[in-house]
Amino acid sequence: MPTLEYTRKAGKGLTYEIIYDKGEYFIKRNGAMKKAVSDAMATGVAPHEATPDLMLKLAIGDIESLNGMDE
């Protein structure tokens, strides 16, 4: 699965690791899992629309808004 390091623009500006693929993404910080989305339906996206690029964008959005996780 592709991996990307992303630094949050707001708050403390911490760096997160995003592991993503078709229909799923995982967000880690310092090796600790912060959020796991293993089913595109959980995000409200139809499975056939859940491309890796879209999953990456959703993960970045979750990091910026701290949706479902703490900083």
PDB file of N, CA and C in Angstrom:
ATOM      1  N   MET A   1       0.844  -1.180   0.000  1.00  0.00           N
ATOM      2  CA  MET A   1       0.000   0.000   0.000  1.00  0.00           C
ATOM      3  C   MET A   1       0.886   1.240   0.000  1.00  0.00           C
ATOM      4  N   PRO A   2       0.451   2.272  -0.704  1.00  0.00           N
ATOM      5  CA  PRO A   2       1.216   3.527  -0.686  1.00  0.00           C
ATOM      6  C   PRO A   2       1.205   4.163   0.702  1.00  0.00           C
ATOM      7  N   THR A   3       2.263   4.878   0.999  1.00  0.00           N
ATOM      8  CA  THR A   3       2.413   5.567   2.279  1.00  0.00           C
ATOM      9  C   THR A   3       2.848   6.997   2.020  1.00  0.00           C
ATOM     10  N   LEU A   4       2.331   7.918   2.833  1.00  0.00           N
ATOM     11  CA  LEU A   4       2.696   9.322   2.703  1.00  0.00           C
ATOM     12  C   LEU A   4       2.844   9.922   4.090  1.00  0.00           C
ATOM     13  N   GLU A   5       3.880  10.713   4.299  1.00  0.00           N
ATOM     14  CA  GLU A   5       4.003  11.483   5.538  1.00  0.00           C
ATOM     15  C   GLU A   5       3.365  12.832   5.303  1.00  0.00           C
ATOM     16  N   TYR A   6       2.488  13.243   6.209  1.00  0.00           N
ATOM     17  CA  TYR A   6       1.760  14.495   6.061  1.00  0.00           C
ATOM     18  C   TYR A   6       1.877  15.300   7.350  1.00  0.00           C
ATOM     19  N   THR A   7       2.235  16.565   7.219  1.00  0.00           N
ATOM     20  CA  THR A   7       2.346  17.455   8.375  1.00  0.00           C
ATOM     21  C   THR A   7       1.106  18.336   8.438  1.00  0.00           C
ATOM     22  N   ARG A   8       0.441  18.296   9.573  1.00  0.00           N
ATOM     23  CA  ARG A   8      -0.787  19.068   9.771  1.00  0.00           C
ATOM     24  C   ARG A   8      -0.470  20.558   9.733  1.00  0.00           C
ATOM     25  N   LYS A   9      -1.283  21.313   9.034  1.00  0.00           N
ATOM     26  CA  LYS A   9      -1.057  22.742   8.878  1.00  0.00           C
ATOM     27  C   LYS A   9      -1.539  23.539  10.085  1.00  0.00           C
ATOM     28  N   ALA A  10      -2.518  23.045  10.791  1.00  0.00           N
ATOM     29  CA  ALA A  10      -3.077  23.729  11.955  1.00  0.00           C
ATOM     30  C   ALA A  10      -2.538  23.116  13.241  1.00  0.00           C
ATOM     31  N   GLY A  11      -2.934  23.676  14.359  1.00  0.00           N
ATOM     32  CA  GLY A  11      -2.571  23.115  15.659  1.00  0.00           C
ATOM     33  C   GLY A  11      -1.074  23.055  15.893  1.00  0.00           C
ATOM     34  N   LYS A  12      -0.611  21.902  16.334  1.00  0.00           N
ATOM     35  CA  LYS A  12       0.793  21.717  16.689  1.00  0.00           C
ATOM     36  C   LYS A  12       1.688  21.405  15.491  1.00  0.00           C
ATOM     37  N   GLY A  13       1.101  21.230  14.326  1.00  0.00           N
ATOM     38  CA  GLY A  13       1.889  20.933  13.122  1.00  0.00           C
ATOM     39  C   GLY A  13       2.606  19.599  13.193  1.00  0.00           C
ATOM     40  N   LEU A  14       1.943  18.609  13.773  1.00  0.00           N
ATOM     41  CA  LEU A  14       2.548  17.287  13.908  1.00  0.00           C
ATOM     42  C   LEU A  14       2.519  16.537  12.578  1.00  0.00           C
ATOM     43  N   THR A  15       3.423  15.584  12.439  1.00  0.00           N
ATOM     44  CA  THR A  15       3.512  14.793  11.219  1.00  0.00           C
ATOM     45  C   THR A  15       2.854  13.432  11.438  1.00  0.00           C
ATOM     46  N   TYR A  16       2.064  13.037  10.471  1.00  0.00           N
ATOM     47  CA  TYR A  16       1.318  11.790  10.502  1.00  0.00           C
ATOM     48  C   TYR A  16       1.730  10.924   9.325  1.00  0.00           C
ATOM     49  N   GLU A  17       1.598   9.626   9.476  1.00  0.00           N
ATOM     50  CA  GLU A  17       1.835   8.683   8.388  1.00  0.00           C
ATOM     51  C   GLU A  17       0.473   8.207   7.894  1.00  0.00           C
ATOM     52  N   ILE A  18       0.246   8.347   6.594  1.00  0.00           N
ATOM     53  CA  ILE A  18      -1.001   7.886   5.990  1.00  0.00           C
ATOM     54  C   ILE A  18      -0.677   6.673   5.120  1.00  0.00           C
ATOM     55  N   ILE A  19      -1.359   5.586   5.392  1.00  0.00           N
ATOM     56  CA  ILE A  19      -1.240   4.367   4.596  1.00  0.00           C
ATOM     57  C   ILE A  19      -2.602   4.199   3.933  1.00  0.00           C
ATOM     58  N   TYR A  20      -2.634   4.154   2.616  1.00  0.00           N
ATOM     59  CA  TYR A  20      -3.918   4.191   1.919  1.00  0.00           C
ATOM     60  C   TYR A  20      -3.913   3.280   0.690  1.00  0.00           C
ATOM     61  N   ASP A  21      -5.112   2.944   0.272  1.00  0.00           N
ATOM     62  CA  ASP A  21      -5.296   2.124  -0.918  1.00  0.00           C
ATOM     63  C   ASP A  21      -6.748   2.257  -1.326  1.00  0.00           C
ATOM     64  N   LYS A  22      -7.167   1.482  -2.289  1.00  0.00           N
ATOM     65  CA  LYS A  22      -8.553   1.541  -2.743  1.00  0.00           C
ATOM     66  C   LYS A  22      -9.491   1.143  -1.606  1.00  0.00           C
ATOM     67  N   GLY A  23     -10.323   2.078  -1.188  1.00  0.00           N
ATOM     68  CA  GLY A  23     -11.356   1.801  -0.198  1.00  0.00           C
ATOM     69  C   GLY A  23     -10.922   1.808   1.250  1.00  0.00           C
ATOM     70  N   GLU A  24      -9.667   2.164   1.538  1.00  0.00           N
ATOM     71  CA  GLU A  24      -9.227   2.149   2.938  1.00  0.00           C
ATOM     72  C   GLU A  24      -8.069   3.107   3.173  1.00  0.00           C
ATOM     73  N   TYR A  25      -7.948   3.547   4.434  1.00  0.00           N
ATOM     74  CA  TYR A  25      -6.774   4.314   4.844  1.00  0.00           C
ATOM     75  C   TYR A  25      -6.568   4.176   6.346  1.00  0.00           C
ATOM     76  N   PHE A  26      -5.332   4.360   6.735  1.00  0.00           N
ATOM     77  CA  PHE A  26      -4.931   4.260   8.129  1.00  0.00           C
ATOM     78  C   PHE A  26      -4.035   5.452   8.434  1.00  0.00           C
ATOM     79  N   ILE A  27      -4.238   6.056   9.592  1.00  0.00           N
ATOM     80  CA  ILE A  27      -3.445   7.216   9.995  1.00  0.00           C
ATOM     81  C   ILE A  27      -2.698   6.859  11.265  1.00  0.00           C
ATOM     82  N   LYS A  28      -1.376   7.057  11.238  1.00  0.00           N
ATOM     83  CA  LYS A  28      -0.533   6.771  12.396  1.00  0.00           C
ATOM     84  C   LYS A  28       0.292   8.014  12.745  1.00  0.00           C
ATOM     85  N   ARG A  29       0.641   8.119  14.009  1.00  0.00           N
ATOM     86  CA  ARG A  29       1.585   9.148  14.453  1.00  0.00           C
ATOM     87  C   ARG A  29       2.503   8.504  15.475  1.00  0.00           C
ATOM     88  N   ASN A  30       3.796   8.620  15.238  1.00  0.00           N
ATOM     89  CA  ASN A  30       4.802   8.001  16.111  1.00  0.00           C
ATOM     90  C   ASN A  30       4.536   6.510  16.303  1.00  0.00           C
ATOM     91  N   GLY A  31       4.102   5.849  15.252  1.00  0.00           N
ATOM     92  CA  GLY A  31       3.866   4.408  15.301  1.00  0.00           C
ATOM     93  C   GLY A  31       2.543   3.989  15.912  1.00  0.00           C
ATOM     94  N   ALA A  32       1.800   4.942  16.488  1.00  0.00           N
ATOM     95  CA  ALA A  32       0.510   4.619  17.109  1.00  0.00           C
ATOM     96  C   ALA A  32      -0.621   4.886  16.129  1.00  0.00           C
ATOM     97  N   MET A  33      -1.533   3.928  16.008  1.00  0.00           N
ATOM     98  CA  MET A  33      -2.675   4.079  15.125  1.00  0.00           C
ATOM     99  C   MET A  33      -3.601   5.151  15.688  1.00  0.00           C
ATOM    100  N   LYS A  34      -3.889   6.150  14.874  1.00  0.00           N
ATOM    101  CA  LYS A  34      -4.798   7.225  15.280  1.00  0.00           C
ATOM    102  C   LYS A  34      -6.189   7.033  14.695  1.00  0.00           C
ATOM    103  N   LYS A  35      -6.253   6.487  13.473  1.00  0.00           N
ATOM    104  CA  LYS A  35      -7.554   6.238  12.851  1.00  0.00           C
ATOM    105  C   LYS A  35      -7.388   5.154  11.798  1.00  0.00           C
ATOM    106  N   ALA A  36      -8.355   4.261  11.744  1.00  0.00           N
ATOM    107  CA  ALA A  36      -8.364   3.186  10.743  1.00  0.00           C
ATOM    108  C   ALA A  36      -9.717   3.177  10.055  1.00  0.00           C
ATOM    109  N   VAL A  37      -9.706   3.316   8.746  1.00  0.00           N
ATOM    110  CA  VAL A  37     -10.921   3.217   7.945  1.00  0.00           C
ATOM    111  C   VAL A  37     -10.663   2.102   6.940  1.00  0.00           C
ATOM    112  N   SER A  38     -11.247   0.950   7.207  1.00  0.00           N
ATOM    113  CA  SER A  38     -10.982  -0.207   6.353  1.00  0.00           C
ATOM    114  C   SER A  38     -12.139  -0.524   5.407  1.00  0.00           C
ATOM    115  N   ASP A  39     -13.140   0.354   5.389  1.00  0.00           N
ATOM    116  CA  ASP A  39     -14.292   0.145   4.517  1.00  0.00           C
ATOM    117  C   ASP A  39     -14.759   1.497   3.990  1.00  0.00           C
ATOM    118  N   ALA A  40     -14.748   1.674   2.696  1.00  0.00           N
ATOM    119  CA  ALA A  40     -15.136   2.943   2.091  1.00  0.00           C
ATOM    120  C   ALA A  40     -16.551   3.359   2.490  1.00  0.00           C
ATOM    121  N   MET A  41     -17.425   2.406   2.708  1.00  0.00           N
ATOM    122  CA  MET A  41     -18.804   2.729   3.087  1.00  0.00           C
ATOM    123  C   MET A  41     -18.861   3.508   4.399  1.00  0.00           C
ATOM    124  N   ALA A  42     -17.882   3.317   5.275  1.00  0.00           N
ATOM    125  CA  ALA A  42     -17.842   4.038   6.545  1.00  0.00           C
ATOM    126  C   ALA A  42     -17.633   5.534   6.330  1.00  0.00           C
ATOM    127  N   THR A  43     -17.086   5.908   5.195  1.00  0.00           N
ATOM    128  CA  THR A  43     -16.861   7.315   4.881  1.00  0.00           C
ATOM    129  C   THR A  43     -18.000   7.900   4.054  1.00  0.00           C
ATOM    130  N   GLY A  44     -18.961   7.067   3.674  1.00  0.00           N
ATOM    131  CA  GLY A  44     -20.055   7.525   2.843  1.00  0.00           C
ATOM    132  C   GLY A  44     -19.731   7.513   1.363  1.00  0.00           C
ATOM    133  N   VAL A  45     -18.662   6.840   0.998  1.00  0.00           N
ATOM    134  CA  VAL A  45     -18.238   6.750  -0.397  1.00  0.00           C
ATOM    135  C   VAL A  45     -18.576   5.356  -0.924  1.00  0.00           C
ATOM    136  N   ALA A  46     -19.144   5.317  -2.107  1.00  0.00           N
ATOM    137  CA  ALA A  46     -19.447   4.022  -2.733  1.00  0.00           C
ATOM    138  C   ALA A  46     -18.136   3.305  -3.062  1.00  0.00           C
ATOM    139  N   PRO A  47     -18.085   1.997  -2.885  1.00  0.00           N
ATOM    140  CA  PRO A  47     -16.845   1.250  -3.126  1.00  0.00           C
ATOM    141  C   PRO A  47     -16.223   1.493  -4.509  1.00  0.00           C
ATOM    142  N   HIS A  48     -17.039   1.640  -5.536  1.00  0.00           N
ATOM    143  CA  HIS A  48     -16.480   1.844  -6.875  1.00  0.00           C
ATOM    144  C   HIS A  48     -15.885   3.247  -7.051  1.00  0.00           C
ATOM    145  N   GLU A  49     -16.206   4.178  -6.153  1.00  0.00           N
ATOM    146  CA  GLU A  49     -15.655   5.536  -6.206  1.00  0.00           C
ATOM    147  C   GLU A  49     -14.445   5.712  -5.287  1.00  0.00           C
ATOM    148  N   ALA A  50     -14.158   4.724  -4.468  1.00  0.00           N
ATOM    149  CA  ALA A  50     -13.142   4.830  -3.419  1.00  0.00           C
ATOM    150  C   ALA A  50     -11.735   4.575  -3.959  1.00  0.00           C
ATOM    151  N   THR A  51     -11.272   5.453  -4.831  1.00  0.00           N
ATOM    152  CA  THR A  51      -9.933   5.321  -5.406  1.00  0.00           C
ATOM    153  C   THR A  51      -8.873   5.643  -4.357  1.00  0.00           C
ATOM    154  N   PRO A  52      -7.660   5.183  -4.553  1.00  0.00           N
ATOM    155  CA  PRO A  52      -6.590   5.539  -3.616  1.00  0.00           C
ATOM    156  C   PRO A  52      -6.425   7.057  -3.460  1.00  0.00           C
ATOM    157  N   ASP A  53      -6.539   7.808  -4.559  1.00  0.00           N
ATOM    158  CA  ASP A  53      -6.413   9.270  -4.468  1.00  0.00           C
ATOM    159  C   ASP A  53      -7.495   9.879  -3.582  1.00  0.00           C
ATOM    160  N   LEU A  54      -8.720   9.396  -3.711  1.00  0.00           N
ATOM    161  CA  LEU A  54      -9.805   9.905  -2.874  1.00  0.00           C
ATOM    162  C   LEU A  54      -9.578   9.535  -1.412  1.00  0.00           C
ATOM    163  N   MET A  55      -9.130   8.311  -1.158  1.00  0.00           N
ATOM    164  CA  MET A  55      -8.872   7.892   0.222  1.00  0.00           C
ATOM    165  C   MET A  55      -7.777   8.751   0.856  1.00  0.00           C
ATOM    166  N   LEU A  56      -6.755   9.104   0.085  1.00  0.00           N
ATOM    167  CA  LEU A  56      -5.700   9.977   0.581  1.00  0.00           C
ATOM    168  C   LEU A  56      -6.268  11.345   0.933  1.00  0.00           C
ATOM    169  N   LYS A  57      -7.114  11.898   0.081  1.00  0.00           N
ATOM    170  CA  LYS A  57      -7.730  13.202   0.352  1.00  0.00           C
ATOM    171  C   LYS A  57      -8.594  13.157   1.608  1.00  0.00           C
ATOM    172  N   LEU A  58      -9.349  12.082   1.786  1.00  0.00           N
ATOM    173  CA  LEU A  58     -10.173  11.943   2.985  1.00  0.00           C
ATOM    174  C   LEU A  58      -9.307  11.860   4.245  1.00  0.00           C
ATOM    175  N   ALA A  59      -8.202  11.136   4.158  1.00  0.00           N
ATOM    176  CA  ALA A  59      -7.302  11.013   5.305  1.00  0.00           C
ATOM    177  C   ALA A  59      -6.702  12.373   5.668  1.00  0.00           C
ATOM    178  N   ILE A  60      -6.284  13.127   4.672  1.00  0.00           N
ATOM    179  CA  ILE A  60      -5.730  14.464   4.929  1.00  0.00           C
ATOM    180  C   ILE A  60      -6.796  15.348   5.568  1.00  0.00           C
ATOM    181  N   GLY A  61      -8.013  15.267   5.083  1.00  0.00           N
ATOM    182  CA  GLY A  61      -9.115  16.026   5.686  1.00  0.00           C
ATOM    183  C   GLY A  61      -9.331  15.654   7.139  1.00  0.00           C
ATOM    184  N   ASP A  62      -9.253  14.357   7.444  1.00  0.00           N
ATOM    185  CA  ASP A  62      -9.407  13.904   8.834  1.00  0.00           C
ATOM    186  C   ASP A  62      -8.287  14.449   9.716  1.00  0.00           C
ATOM    187  N   ILE A  63      -7.085  14.488   9.184  1.00  0.00           N
ATOM    188  CA  ILE A  63      -5.951  15.011   9.964  1.00  0.00           C
ATOM    189  C   ILE A  63      -6.141  16.505  10.228  1.00  0.00           C
ATOM    190  N   GLU A  64      -6.478  17.243   9.204  1.00  0.00           N
ATOM    191  CA  GLU A  64      -6.636  18.697   9.370  1.00  0.00           C
ATOM    192  C   GLU A  64      -7.760  19.054  10.320  1.00  0.00           C
ATOM    193  N   SER A  65      -8.834  18.272  10.321  1.00  0.00           N
ATOM    194  CA  SER A  65      -9.972  18.565  11.204  1.00  0.00           C
ATOM    195  C   SER A  65      -9.952  17.753  12.494  1.00  0.00           C
ATOM    196  N   LEU A  66      -8.940  16.880  12.630  1.00  0.00           N
ATOM    197  CA  LEU A  66      -8.850  15.952  13.758  1.00  0.00           C
ATOM    198  C   LEU A  66     -10.147  15.164  13.918  1.00  0.00           C
ATOM    199  N   ASN A  67     -10.694  14.743  12.810  1.00  0.00           N
ATOM    200  CA  ASN A  67     -11.936  13.985  12.777  1.00  0.00           C
ATOM    201  C   ASN A  67     -11.706  12.568  13.303  1.00  0.00           C
ATOM    202  N   GLY A  68     -12.272  12.271  14.456  1.00  0.00           N
ATOM    203  CA  GLY A  68     -12.175  10.938  15.025  1.00  0.00           C
ATOM    204  C   GLY A  68     -10.862  10.598  15.677  1.00  0.00           C
ATOM    205  N   MET A  69     -10.035  11.612  15.974  1.00  0.00           N
ATOM    206  CA  MET A  69      -8.746  11.345  16.625  1.00  0.00           C
ATOM    207  C   MET A  69      -8.281  12.584  17.375  1.00  0.00           C
ATOM    208  N   ASP A  70      -7.266  12.406  18.184  1.00  0.00           N
ATOM    209  CA  ASP A  70      -6.708  13.538  18.924  1.00  0.00           C
ATOM    210  C   ASP A  70      -5.368  13.937  18.325  1.00  0.00           C
ATOM    211  N   GLU A  71      -4.908  15.099  18.713  1.00  0.00           N
ATOM    212  CA  GLU A  71      -3.621  15.573  18.227  1.00  0.00           C
ATOM    213  C   GLU A  71      -2.568  15.096  19.192  1.00  0.00           C
TER     214      GLU A  71
END
